Amino acid sequence: MNARQQVLLAAVFSTLTYDATHGGEIINGKKAKKNSQKYMASVQVNGKHKCGGFLIDASYVLTAAQCDYRGSMSVVLGAHNISANPLIRYEVKDKHKCLSYKKVSTGDDIMLLELSKKVQQGKPVKIVKIPSKDKPVKPNTKCMVAGWGKTEKQNAVNDLMVTSVSTISDKDCKKKWNNTLPHNVLCAATKSGVCQGDFGGPLVCGGVAVGIASFSSNRDCKHPHVPDVYTQISKYITWIKKIIKKGA
């Protein structure tokens, strides 16, 4: 990315501050069905929801590096309504942020959260698969995004919301973003008007989490003209496996 492109992307990101701070949005979504999206995690700081995440191992939740907030971090699993009690809460033992991450606009927006104890999988909680190797996602692949961010009607929701999206080609996405995208990302969009699930949440295609919600344009959330952007998980498989193996 040259200097001019960096300036352009920085200008775009100056409009994203609100979304990144408040967890993103699910626009025109619907409540997730009972016992669905069992891998979803609410990443919380001092007991308040900050980001989405997803369980990929009994001891690890994957999320975005931008979700590295100060304070006491924990993860809530197995709950569609994060205001209900009791909640299944796990303290975060350690945070493994991609070492090359600097800011959202330069990419590498990925972080592993190591939990204080292993998660017992069962009816409310289940691990989601991630790619086993670096493999591109074909354009027009039907996927799902979910989150607890605000909707088009409310500032925030306690119920997990979900919507469908379709991936688009790198070429088309770069064109929409004026060739200012960071590396190792993939894009998805929908005519129904998704404006990002909670940042840190998964883009799930065919039962496999292939992306991590990283950023979107907040200028026209109901019918976005610019695709949502996700960190491409397959590009970091070696890094993920290394951290999990080290902690085993």
Protein backbone atom coordinates (compact mmCIF):
# COMPACT_ATOMS: atom_id res chain seq x y z
CA MET A 1 0.00 0.00 0.00
CA ASN A 2 1.55 3.31 -1.07
CA ALA A 3 1.46 6.60 0.84
CA ARG A 4 -1.53 7.96 -1.10
CA GLN A 5 -3.57 4.82 -0.41
CA GLN A 6 -2.69 4.99 3.29
CA VAL A 7 -3.95 8.58 3.43
CA LEU A 8 -7.19 7.62 1.68
CA LEU A 9 -7.81 4.68 3.99
CA ALA A 10 -7.04 6.82 7.03
CA ALA A 11 -9.69 9.28 5.86
CA VAL A 12 -12.21 6.47 5.51
CA PHE A 13 -11.37 5.14 8.97
CA SER A 14 -11.98 8.54 10.52
CA THR A 15 -15.68 7.79 9.91
CA LEU A 16 -15.50 4.37 11.59
CA THR A 17 -14.74 5.48 15.15
CA TYR A 18 -18.32 5.17 16.37
CA ASP A 19 -18.80 1.66 14.99
CA ALA A 20 -15.49 0.37 16.32
CA THR A 21 -16.20 1.75 19.78
CA HIS A 22 -19.74 0.48 20.05
CA GLY A 23 -19.35 -3.01 18.65
CA GLY A 24 -20.75 -2.69 15.15
CA GLU A 25 -24.23 -3.37 13.87
CA ILE A 26 -26.53 -6.08 12.52
CA ILE A 27 -28.93 -4.31 10.17
CA ASN A 28 -32.16 -5.99 9.02
CA GLY A 29 -31.18 -9.09 10.96
CA LYS A 30 -33.36 -11.40 13.01
CA LYS A 31 -33.07 -13.10 16.37
CA ALA A 32 -30.91 -16.20 16.25
CA LYS A 33 -32.81 -19.46 16.62
CA LYS A 34 -32.55 -21.32 19.91
CA ASN A 35 -29.50 -23.62 20.11
CA SER A 36 -27.94 -22.05 17.01
CA GLN A 37 -24.58 -20.26 16.75
CA LYS A 38 -23.40 -22.16 19.85
CA TYR A 39 -19.85 -20.97 19.19
CA MET A 40 -20.69 -17.28 19.64
CA ALA A 41 -18.94 -15.41 22.43
CA SER A 42 -19.60 -12.02 23.96
CA VAL A 43 -16.21 -10.48 24.73
CA GLN A 44 -16.73 -8.28 27.77
CA VAL A 45 -14.67 -5.78 29.74
CA ASN A 46 -15.64 -5.07 33.33
CA GLY A 47 -18.85 -7.03 32.71
CA LYS A 48 -19.96 -5.03 29.67
CA HIS A 49 -20.18 -6.30 26.09
CA LYS A 50 -17.48 -4.88 23.83
CA CYS A 51 -16.96 -7.27 20.93
CA GLY A 52 -18.00 -10.50 19.36
CA GLY A 53 -15.84 -13.61 19.35
CA PHE A 54 -16.12 -17.34 18.73
CA LEU A 55 -14.93 -20.54 20.35
CA ILE A 56 -12.41 -22.47 18.20
CA ASP A 57 -10.83 -24.64 20.91
CA ALA A 58 -11.77 -25.71 24.43
CA SER A 59 -9.36 -23.06 25.76
CA TYR A 60 -9.41 -20.36 23.08
CA VAL A 61 -11.78 -17.75 21.66
CA LEU A 62 -10.88 -15.99 18.43
CA THR A 63 -11.69 -12.29 18.03
CA ALA A 64 -10.30 -9.07 16.53
CA ALA A 65 -7.11 -7.38 17.76
CA GLN A 66 -9.00 -4.07 17.99
CA CYS A 67 -10.93 -5.64 20.90
CA ASP A 68 -7.91 -5.41 23.21
CA TYR A 69 -9.53 -3.01 25.67
CA ARG A 70 -8.15 -2.11 29.09
CA GLY A 71 -9.89 -3.60 32.09
CA SER A 72 -10.94 -7.01 33.37
CA MET A 73 -11.73 -9.09 30.29
CA SER A 74 -14.04 -12.09 30.28
CA VAL A 75 -15.99 -14.12 27.74
CA VAL A 76 -19.65 -15.13 27.95
CA LEU A 77 -20.56 -18.35 26.12
CA GLY A 78 -23.77 -20.27 25.57
CA ALA A 79 -26.10 -17.27 25.85
CA HIS A 80 -28.23 -15.70 23.15
CA ASN A 81 -29.48 -13.10 25.63
CA ILE A 82 -26.48 -11.58 27.38
CA SER A 83 -28.66 -9.79 29.94
CA ALA A 84 -30.05 -13.07 31.30
CA ASN A 85 -28.78 -14.76 34.45
CA PRO A 86 -26.97 -16.92 35.20
CA LEU A 87 -24.38 -16.53 32.43
CA ILE A 88 -21.57 -18.94 31.55
CA ARG A 89 -18.59 -16.65 32.05
CA TYR A 90 -14.90 -17.43 31.60
CA GLU A 91 -12.12 -15.10 32.65
CA VAL A 92 -9.44 -14.36 30.06
CA LYS A 93 -6.10 -15.76 31.20
CA ASP A 94 -4.01 -14.30 28.39
CA LYS A 95 -4.38 -12.29 25.19
CA HIS A 96 -2.42 -13.24 22.07
CA LYS A 97 -2.62 -10.38 19.60
CA CYS A 98 -1.00 -10.67 16.18
CA LEU A 99 2.42 -9.08 16.68
CA SER A 100 2.23 -7.14 13.41
CA TYR A 101 -1.10 -5.50 14.32
CA LYS A 102 -0.90 -1.72 14.68
CA LYS A 103 -4.38 -0.48 13.83
CA VAL A 104 -7.46 -1.68 11.97
CA SER A 105 -6.58 0.18 8.77
CA THR A 106 -3.27 -1.67 8.35
CA GLY A 107 -4.68 -5.17 8.83
CA ASP A 108 -3.72 -8.21 10.93
CA ASP A 109 -6.83 -7.56 13.03
CA ILE A 110 -6.82 -10.89 14.85
CA MET A 111 -6.41 -11.97 18.48
CA LEU A 112 -6.67 -15.22 20.44
CA LEU A 113 -8.07 -15.12 23.96
CA GLU A 114 -6.82 -17.88 26.24
CA LEU A 115 -9.47 -18.80 28.80
CA SER A 116 -8.83 -19.42 32.50
CA LYS A 117 -10.21 -22.96 32.21
CA LYS A 118 -11.32 -25.35 29.51
CA VAL A 119 -14.86 -25.04 28.19
CA GLN A 120 -17.15 -28.02 28.66
CA GLN A 121 -18.90 -28.50 25.34
CA GLY A 122 -22.55 -29.47 25.44
CA LYS A 123 -26.01 -28.28 24.48
CA PRO A 124 -25.38 -24.53 24.88
CA VAL A 125 -21.73 -24.35 23.79
CA LYS A 126 -19.89 -25.82 20.83
CA ILE A 127 -16.64 -25.16 18.95
CA VAL A 128 -16.85 -23.86 15.38
CA LYS A 129 -14.50 -25.18 12.73
CA ILE A 130 -11.89 -22.95 11.13
CA PRO A 131 -9.97 -23.61 7.88
CA SER A 132 -7.26 -26.28 8.12
CA LYS A 133 -5.07 -24.56 5.53
CA ASP A 134 -4.73 -21.34 3.54
CA LYS A 135 -7.55 -21.55 1.04
CA PRO A 136 -9.42 -18.68 -0.68
CA VAL A 137 -13.16 -18.26 -0.25
CA LYS A 138 -14.99 -18.25 -3.57
CA PRO A 139 -17.06 -15.18 -4.50
CA ASN A 140 -20.84 -15.49 -4.04
CA THR A 141 -20.46 -17.94 -1.16
CA LYS A 142 -23.48 -17.75 1.16
CA CYS A 143 -22.47 -17.01 4.75
CA MET A 144 -23.86 -15.89 8.11
CA VAL A 145 -22.85 -13.13 10.53
CA ALA A 146 -24.16 -12.62 14.05
CA GLY A 147 -23.71 -10.21 16.91
CA TRP A 148 -25.12 -8.17 19.78
CA GLY A 149 -24.43 -4.76 18.24
CA LYS A 150 -27.07 -2.13 17.56
CA THR A 151 -29.78 -2.65 14.95
CA GLU A 152 -31.48 -0.21 12.62
CA LYS A 153 -34.19 0.31 15.26
CA GLN A 154 -32.26 0.17 18.53
CA ASN A 155 -28.99 1.50 19.91
CA ALA A 156 -28.13 -1.90 21.34
CA VAL A 157 -29.64 -5.34 21.77
CA ASN A 158 -29.23 -8.08 24.34
CA ASP A 159 -30.45 -10.82 22.00
CA LEU A 160 -28.09 -12.35 19.46
CA MET A 161 -29.01 -11.16 15.96
CA VAL A 162 -28.10 -12.96 12.75
CA THR A 163 -28.25 -12.23 9.03
CA SER A 164 -27.09 -13.69 5.71
CA VAL A 165 -24.38 -12.22 3.50
CA SER A 166 -22.49 -13.24 0.36
CA THR A 167 -18.76 -12.98 -0.26
CA ILE A 168 -17.47 -10.91 -3.16
CA SER A 169 -14.23 -11.05 -5.13
CA ASP A 170 -11.10 -9.25 -3.96
CA LYS A 171 -11.10 -7.27 -7.19
CA ASP A 172 -14.65 -5.98 -6.70
CA CYS A 173 -14.07 -5.24 -3.03
CA LYS A 174 -10.90 -3.25 -3.70
CA LYS A 175 -12.74 -1.28 -6.35
CA LYS A 176 -15.51 -0.41 -3.87
CA TRP A 177 -12.91 0.67 -1.29
CA ASN A 178 -10.87 2.69 -3.82
CA ASN A 179 -7.99 0.17 -3.68
CA THR A 180 -7.29 1.01 -0.04
CA LEU A 181 -7.80 -2.38 1.64
CA PRO A 182 -5.21 -3.88 4.00
CA HIS A 183 -3.73 -7.31 3.26
CA ASN A 184 -5.18 -10.70 4.28
CA VAL A 185 -8.84 -9.69 4.21
CA LEU A 186 -12.01 -10.87 2.48
CA CYS A 187 -15.27 -9.05 1.87
CA ALA A 188 -18.98 -9.74 2.10
CA ALA A 189 -22.09 -7.76 1.31
CA THR A 190 -25.84 -8.11 1.01
CA LYS A 191 -28.64 -6.12 -0.60
CA SER A 192 -30.71 -6.57 2.55
CA GLY A 193 -28.41 -4.18 4.38
CA VAL A 194 -25.96 -5.79 6.79
CA CYS A 195 -23.72 -3.23 8.44
CA GLN A 196 -21.35 -5.58 10.22
CA GLY A 197 -21.88 -7.99 13.01
CA ASP A 198 -20.07 -7.18 16.23
CA PHE A 199 -16.44 -6.60 15.41
CA GLY A 200 -14.50 -9.69 16.35
CA GLY A 201 -17.42 -11.95 15.44
CA PRO A 202 -17.18 -14.68 12.79
CA LEU A 203 -18.11 -14.86 9.13
CA VAL A 204 -19.35 -18.45 8.89
CA CYS A 205 -19.69 -20.16 5.51
CA GLY A 206 -20.81 -23.77 5.27
CA GLY A 207 -20.27 -24.31 8.99
CA VAL A 208 -16.69 -23.01 8.89
CA ALA A 209 -15.57 -19.66 10.34
CA VAL A 210 -13.56 -18.07 7.53
CA GLY A 211 -13.40 -14.44 8.62
CA ILE A 212 -13.34 -12.09 11.61
CA ALA A 213 -15.46 -8.94 11.39
CA SER A 214 -12.98 -6.06 11.19
CA PHE A 215 -14.55 -2.92 9.74
CA SER A 216 -17.32 -1.44 7.61
CA SER A 217 -18.50 1.90 6.32
CA ASN A 218 -21.01 3.58 8.64
CA ARG A 219 -22.24 6.07 6.06
CA ASP A 220 -25.21 4.05 4.80
CA CYS A 221 -25.80 1.10 7.10
CA LYS A 222 -29.29 0.20 5.95
CA HIS A 223 -28.17 -0.34 2.37
CA PRO A 224 -24.36 -0.18 2.38
CA HIS A 225 -22.65 0.58 -0.90
CA VAL A 226 -19.28 -0.50 0.47
CA PRO A 227 -18.73 -4.17 1.45
CA ASP A 228 -17.94 -5.23 5.01
CA VAL A 229 -14.35 -6.34 5.55
CA TYR A 230 -13.17 -9.40 7.47
CA THR A 231 -9.75 -10.68 8.49
CA GLN A 232 -9.18 -13.87 6.49
CA ILE A 233 -8.58 -16.61 9.06
CA SER A 234 -6.87 -19.04 6.68
CA LYS A 235 -3.94 -16.62 6.36
CA TYR A 236 -3.20 -17.06 10.08
CA ILE A 237 -3.69 -20.81 10.55
CA THR A 238 -0.01 -21.52 11.26
CA TRP A 239 0.06 -18.73 13.88
CA ILE A 240 -3.17 -19.97 15.50
CA LYS A 241 -1.98 -23.58 15.68
CA LYS A 242 1.35 -22.52 17.17
CA ILE A 243 -0.28 -20.59 20.01
CA ILE A 244 -2.79 -23.33 20.82
CA LYS A 245 -0.07 -26.01 20.78
CA LYS A 246 2.13 -23.91 23.07
CA GLY A 247 -0.70 -23.51 25.58
CA ALA A 248 -1.71 -27.18 25.56
